[in-house]
């Protein structure tokens, strides 16, 4: 995933959790901890090296859930 797409996915995930659209069955604290670890570079996009593998899996799961919600 390129940095711009990754940045957009992270911002979308933050927004969906904040609005209550997406929940993680009481694990939101863990997800926010993973999101807090993400740093941005001078250009305003995420530093890929600060995105954990756990967060990448959460992003994939959230995207799959979003797509399935649109279909169903």
Protein backbone atom coordinates (compact mmCIF):
# COMPACT_ATOMS: atom_id res chain seq x y z
CA UNK A 1 0.00 0.00 0.00
CA UNK A 2 1.47 3.37 -0.93
CA UNK A 3 1.83 6.12 1.67
CA UNK A 4 -1.03 8.27 0.41
CA UNK A 5 -3.50 5.39 0.41
CA UNK A 6 -2.24 4.22 3.81
CA UNK A 7 -2.65 7.77 5.17
CA UNK A 8 -6.22 7.96 3.85
CA UNK A 9 -7.05 4.55 5.32
CA UNK A 10 -5.74 5.57 8.75
CA UNK A 11 -7.68 8.85 8.72
CA UNK A 12 -10.82 7.00 7.65
CA UNK A 13 -10.39 4.43 10.41
CA UNK A 14 -9.96 7.16 13.04
CA UNK A 15 -13.10 8.88 11.80
CA UNK A 16 -15.19 5.73 11.70
CA UNK A 17 -14.19 4.80 15.25
CA UNK A 18 -14.76 8.34 16.56
CA UNK A 19 -18.27 8.50 15.10
CA UNK A 20 -19.15 5.04 16.39
CA UNK A 21 -19.62 3.67 12.88
CA UNK A 22 -16.98 1.04 13.57
CA UNK A 23 -16.40 -0.75 16.87
CA UNK A 24 -13.90 -3.34 17.97
CA UNK A 25 -15.93 -4.99 20.75
CA UNK A 26 -14.26 -3.11 23.58
CA UNK A 27 -10.79 -3.13 22.02
CA UNK A 28 -10.93 0.48 20.82
CA UNK A 29 -8.26 1.43 23.38
CA UNK A 30 -5.83 -1.00 21.73
CA UNK A 31 -6.68 0.32 18.27
CA UNK A 32 -6.18 3.93 19.40
CA UNK A 33 -2.84 2.92 20.94
CA UNK A 34 -1.78 1.52 17.56
CA UNK A 35 -3.01 4.67 15.81
CA UNK A 36 -1.14 6.91 18.28
CA UNK A 37 2.14 5.21 17.35
CA UNK A 38 1.81 6.37 13.73
CA UNK A 39 4.00 9.37 12.92
CA UNK A 40 3.82 11.72 9.97
CA UNK A 41 6.70 12.91 7.84
CA UNK A 42 7.33 16.49 6.74
CA UNK A 43 4.99 16.09 3.76
CA UNK A 44 2.07 15.32 6.09
CA UNK A 45 1.74 11.67 5.08
CA UNK A 46 2.35 8.75 7.40
CA UNK A 47 5.78 7.30 8.00
CA UNK A 48 5.29 3.71 6.85
CA UNK A 49 7.92 2.53 9.34
CA UNK A 50 5.66 3.57 12.26
CA UNK A 51 2.61 1.58 11.11
CA UNK A 52 2.53 -1.71 12.98
CA UNK A 53 1.59 -5.00 11.37
CA UNK A 54 -1.36 -5.17 13.80
CA UNK A 55 -2.65 -1.84 12.54
CA UNK A 56 -2.26 -2.96 8.94
CA UNK A 57 -4.44 -5.99 9.70
CA UNK A 58 -7.02 -3.79 11.41
CA UNK A 59 -7.07 -1.49 8.38
CA UNK A 60 -7.64 -4.46 6.07
CA UNK A 61 -10.44 -5.78 8.28
CA UNK A 62 -12.09 -2.35 8.47
CA UNK A 63 -11.91 -1.95 4.69
CA UNK A 64 -13.41 -5.41 4.15
CA UNK A 65 -16.21 -4.61 6.60
CA UNK A 66 -16.88 -1.30 4.85
CA UNK A 67 -17.04 -2.95 1.42
CA UNK A 68 -19.32 -5.74 2.64
CA UNK A 69 -21.59 -3.18 4.28
CA UNK A 70 -21.92 -1.37 0.96
CA UNK A 71 -22.84 -4.60 -0.82
CA UNK A 72 -25.32 -5.91 1.72
